[in-house]
Amino acid sequence: MIQAGASRRLFMLGAGFAFLAVAFGAFGAHSLKAVLAPDMLTVFETGVRYQMYHALALLAVGWAAQQYPQDSFHIAGWLFVAGILLFSGSLYVLALSGVRWLGAITPLGGVCFLAGWAVFAWQVWKQR
């Protein structure tokens, strides 16, 4: 059974990552537009977009964990956190530094996102 504090942590992480996504989006739109090449700005914006999607997913997982206390909801949340850090984080560093090999890390984050959604969907399906 999931601990009560775990869903609270998922809510806090979701809210924190959403806050950062808005801040990074504003930074990209106002400060990076004049500095980055258009393709690198697109890379940065992709990181922001996926971070926001998965910040909202963390809020949904936190809610589901409160409604249906299953350990696997917690696992889905941590997979989303890992995905944000690996996927969005690698895109931010790639866009800002131009170090292309960092793009090799991005798919690992994508796999974390996929695994998180699979675990989340499985747990929701089991609750029917």
C-alpha atoms as a PDB file:
ATOM      1  CA  MET A   1       0.000   0.000   0.000  1.00  0.00           C
ATOM      2  CA  ILE A   2       1.273   3.465  -0.852  1.00  0.00           C
ATOM      3  CA  GLN A   3       2.134   5.809   1.980  1.00  0.00           C
ATOM      4  CA  ALA A   4       0.002   8.930   2.433  1.00  0.00           C
ATOM      5  CA  GLY A   5       3.041  11.177   1.981  1.00  0.00           C
ATOM      6  CA  ALA A   6       3.871   9.598  -1.370  1.00  0.00           C
ATOM      7  CA  SER A   7       0.848  11.071  -3.142  1.00  0.00           C
ATOM      8  CA  ARG A   8       1.664  14.430  -1.554  1.00  0.00           C
ATOM      9  CA  ARG A   9       5.199  14.181  -2.982  1.00  0.00           C
ATOM     10  CA  LEU A  10       3.749  13.429  -6.427  1.00  0.00           C
ATOM     11  CA  PHE A  11       1.512  16.515  -6.185  1.00  0.00           C
ATOM     12  CA  MET A  12       4.462  18.659  -5.076  1.00  0.00           C
ATOM     13  CA  LEU A  13       6.683  17.344  -7.872  1.00  0.00           C
ATOM     14  CA  GLY A  14       3.923  17.877 -10.435  1.00  0.00           C
ATOM     15  CA  ALA A  15       3.338  21.440  -9.284  1.00  0.00           C
ATOM     16  CA  GLY A  16       7.076  22.154  -9.155  1.00  0.00           C
ATOM     17  CA  PHE A  17       7.743  20.766 -12.625  1.00  0.00           C
ATOM     18  CA  ALA A  18       4.728  22.684 -14.010  1.00  0.00           C
ATOM     19  CA  PHE A  19       6.048  25.911 -12.446  1.00  0.00           C
ATOM     20  CA  LEU A  20       9.459  25.285 -14.015  1.00  0.00           C
ATOM     21  CA  ALA A  21       7.889  24.489 -17.396  1.00  0.00           C
ATOM     22  CA  VAL A  22       6.131  27.855 -17.405  1.00  0.00           C
ATOM     23  CA  ALA A  23       9.333  29.608 -16.325  1.00  0.00           C
ATOM     24  CA  PHE A  24      11.432  27.773 -18.935  1.00  0.00           C
ATOM     25  CA  GLY A  25       8.813  28.487 -21.598  1.00  0.00           C
ATOM     26  CA  ALA A  26       8.905  32.201 -20.826  1.00  0.00           C
ATOM     27  CA  PHE A  27      12.707  32.128 -20.758  1.00  0.00           C
ATOM     28  CA  GLY A  28      12.753  30.432 -24.159  1.00  0.00           C
ATOM     29  CA  ALA A  29      10.215  32.790 -25.695  1.00  0.00           C
ATOM     30  CA  HIS A  30      11.732  36.005 -24.362  1.00  0.00           C
ATOM     31  CA  SER A  31      15.438  35.393 -23.819  1.00  0.00           C
ATOM     32  CA  LEU A  32      16.480  32.533 -26.072  1.00  0.00           C
ATOM     33  CA  LYS A  33      14.622  33.545 -29.217  1.00  0.00           C
ATOM     34  CA  ALA A  34      17.327  36.045 -30.123  1.00  0.00           C
ATOM     35  CA  VAL A  35      20.193  33.773 -29.029  1.00  0.00           C
ATOM     36  CA  LEU A  36      19.412  30.266 -30.297  1.00  0.00           C
ATOM     37  CA  ALA A  37      19.161  29.035 -33.853  1.00  0.00           C
ATOM     38  CA  PRO A  38      15.548  28.235 -34.773  1.00  0.00           C
ATOM     39  CA  ASP A  39      16.165  24.461 -34.715  1.00  0.00           C
ATOM     40  CA  MET A  40      17.663  24.638 -31.215  1.00  0.00           C
ATOM     41  CA  LEU A  41      14.803  26.830 -30.010  1.00  0.00           C
ATOM     42  CA  THR A  42      12.430  24.132 -31.268  1.00  0.00           C
ATOM     43  CA  VAL A  43      14.419  21.521 -29.332  1.00  0.00           C
ATOM     44  CA  PHE A  44      14.146  23.648 -26.173  1.00  0.00           C
ATOM     45  CA  GLU A  45      10.398  24.150 -26.694  1.00  0.00           C
ATOM     46  CA  THR A  46       9.914  20.390 -27.119  1.00  0.00           C
ATOM     47  CA  GLY A  47      11.549  19.864 -23.732  1.00  0.00           C
ATOM     48  CA  VAL A  48       9.226  22.440 -22.158  1.00  0.00           C
ATOM     49  CA  ARG A  49       6.139  20.914 -23.764  1.00  0.00           C
ATOM     50  CA  TYR A  50       6.899  17.360 -22.606  1.00  0.00           C
ATOM     51  CA  GLN A  51       7.829  18.611 -19.154  1.00  0.00           C
ATOM     52  CA  MET A  52       4.429  20.288 -18.811  1.00  0.00           C
ATOM     53  CA  TYR A  53       2.550  17.245 -20.114  1.00  0.00           C
ATOM     54  CA  HIS A  54       4.256  15.042 -17.570  1.00  0.00           C
ATOM     55  CA  ALA A  55       3.980  17.552 -14.732  1.00  0.00           C
ATOM     56  CA  LEU A  56       0.222  17.343 -15.280  1.00  0.00           C
ATOM     57  CA  ALA A  57       0.529  13.563 -15.451  1.00  0.00           C
ATOM     58  CA  LEU A  58       2.213  13.629 -12.022  1.00  0.00           C
ATOM     59  CA  LEU A  59      -0.807  15.498 -10.654  1.00  0.00           C
ATOM     60  CA  ALA A  60      -3.103  12.858 -12.157  1.00  0.00           C
ATOM     61  CA  VAL A  61      -0.992  10.045 -10.700  1.00  0.00           C
ATOM     62  CA  GLY A  62      -0.999  11.765  -7.302  1.00  0.00           C
ATOM     63  CA  TRP A  63      -4.783  11.981  -7.430  1.00  0.00           C
ATOM     64  CA  ALA A  64      -5.116   8.344  -8.520  1.00  0.00           C
ATOM     65  CA  ALA A  65      -2.746   7.260  -5.744  1.00  0.00           C
ATOM     66  CA  GLN A  66      -5.034   8.928  -3.210  1.00  0.00           C
ATOM     67  CA  GLN A  67      -8.143   7.298  -4.667  1.00  0.00           C
ATOM     68  CA  TYR A  68      -6.650   3.840  -5.190  1.00  0.00           C
ATOM     69  CA  PRO A  69      -3.626   3.336  -2.924  1.00  0.00           C
ATOM     70  CA  GLN A  70      -1.498   1.048  -5.063  1.00  0.00           C
ATOM     71  CA  ASP A  71       2.274   0.989  -5.085  1.00  0.00           C
ATOM     72  CA  SER A  72       2.315   0.927  -8.881  1.00  0.00           C
ATOM     73  CA  PHE A  73       0.817   4.393  -9.096  1.00  0.00           C
ATOM     74  CA  HIS A  74       3.870   5.570  -7.180  1.00  0.00           C
ATOM     75  CA  ILE A  75       6.099   3.700  -9.651  1.00  0.00           C
ATOM     76  CA  ALA A  76       4.366   5.455 -12.568  1.00  0.00           C
ATOM     77  CA  GLY A  77       5.017   8.808 -10.905  1.00  0.00           C
ATOM     78  CA  TRP A  78       8.713   8.153 -10.447  1.00  0.00           C
ATOM     79  CA  LEU A  79       8.977   6.986 -14.051  1.00  0.00           C
ATOM     80  CA  PHE A  80       7.471  10.332 -15.106  1.00  0.00           C
ATOM     81  CA  VAL A  81      10.000  12.177 -12.922  1.00  0.00           C
ATOM     82  CA  ALA A  82      12.860  10.204 -14.499  1.00  0.00           C
ATOM     83  CA  GLY A  83      11.423  10.919 -17.943  1.00  0.00           C
ATOM     84  CA  ILE A  84      11.265  14.654 -17.293  1.00  0.00           C
ATOM     85  CA  LEU A  85      14.837  14.725 -16.045  1.00  0.00           C
ATOM     86  CA  LEU A  86      16.244  12.584 -18.868  1.00  0.00           C
ATOM     87  CA  PHE A  87      14.060  13.677 -21.796  1.00  0.00           C
ATOM     88  CA  SER A  88      13.452  17.355 -21.115  1.00  0.00           C
ATOM     89  CA  GLY A  89      16.724  17.826 -19.252  1.00  0.00           C
ATOM     90  CA  SER A  90      18.793  16.442 -22.119  1.00  0.00           C
ATOM     91  CA  LEU A  91      16.913  18.623 -24.616  1.00  0.00           C
ATOM     92  CA  TYR A  92      17.534  21.743 -22.503  1.00  0.00           C
ATOM     93  CA  VAL A  93      21.246  21.013 -22.251  1.00  0.00           C
ATOM     94  CA  LEU A  94      21.444  20.119 -25.954  1.00  0.00           C
ATOM     95  CA  ALA A  95      19.707  23.352 -26.993  1.00  0.00           C
ATOM     96  CA  LEU A  96      21.778  25.550 -24.691  1.00  0.00           C
ATOM     97  CA  SER A  97      25.166  23.893 -25.188  1.00  0.00           C
ATOM     98  CA  GLY A  98      24.941  22.480 -28.704  1.00  0.00           C
ATOM     99  CA  VAL A  99      26.519  19.233 -27.481  1.00  0.00           C
ATOM    100  CA  ARG A 100      24.866  16.808 -29.894  1.00  0.00           C
ATOM    101  CA  TRP A 101      25.750  13.533 -28.142  1.00  0.00           C
ATOM    102  CA  LEU A 102      23.302  14.489 -25.381  1.00  0.00           C
ATOM    103  CA  GLY A 103      20.557  13.625 -27.844  1.00  0.00           C
ATOM    104  CA  ALA A 104      21.431   9.979 -27.151  1.00  0.00           C
ATOM    105  CA  ILE A 105      20.038  10.382 -23.612  1.00  0.00           C
ATOM    106  CA  THR A 106      16.681  11.738 -24.772  1.00  0.00           C
ATOM    107  CA  PRO A 107      15.218   8.360 -25.859  1.00  0.00           C
ATOM    108  CA  LEU A 108      15.880   6.950 -22.382  1.00  0.00           C
ATOM    109  CA  GLY A 109      13.569   9.628 -21.038  1.00  0.00           C
ATOM    110  CA  GLY A 110      11.022   8.715 -23.685  1.00  0.00           C
ATOM    111  CA  VAL A 111      11.162   5.092 -22.555  1.00  0.00           C
ATOM    112  CA  CYS A 112      10.545   6.249 -18.971  1.00  0.00           C
ATOM    113  CA  PHE A 113       7.514   8.228 -20.161  1.00  0.00           C
ATOM    114  CA  LEU A 114       6.149   5.205 -22.035  1.00  0.00           C
ATOM    115  CA  ALA A 115       6.738   2.898 -19.083  1.00  0.00           C
ATOM    116  CA  GLY A 116       5.069   5.394 -16.735  1.00  0.00           C
ATOM    117  CA  TRP A 117       1.996   5.603 -18.953  1.00  0.00           C
ATOM    118  CA  ALA A 118       1.862   1.806 -19.260  1.00  0.00           C
ATOM    119  CA  VAL A 119       2.058   1.329 -15.483  1.00  0.00           C
ATOM    120  CA  PHE A 120      -0.508   4.088 -14.926  1.00  0.00           C
ATOM    121  CA  ALA A 121      -2.916   2.644 -17.505  1.00  0.00           C
ATOM    122  CA  TRP A 122      -2.513  -0.867 -16.098  1.00  0.00           C
ATOM    123  CA  GLN A 123      -3.280   0.288 -12.575  1.00  0.00           C
ATOM    124  CA  VAL A 124      -6.318   2.282 -13.686  1.00  0.00           C
ATOM    125  CA  TRP A 125      -7.565  -0.700 -15.678  1.00  0.00           C
ATOM    126  CA  LYS A 126      -7.166  -2.978 -12.635  1.00  0.00           C
ATOM    127  CA  GLN A 127      -9.427  -0.672 -10.591  1.00  0.00           C
ATOM    128  CA  ARG A 128     -12.532  -1.270 -12.707  1.00  0.00           C
END
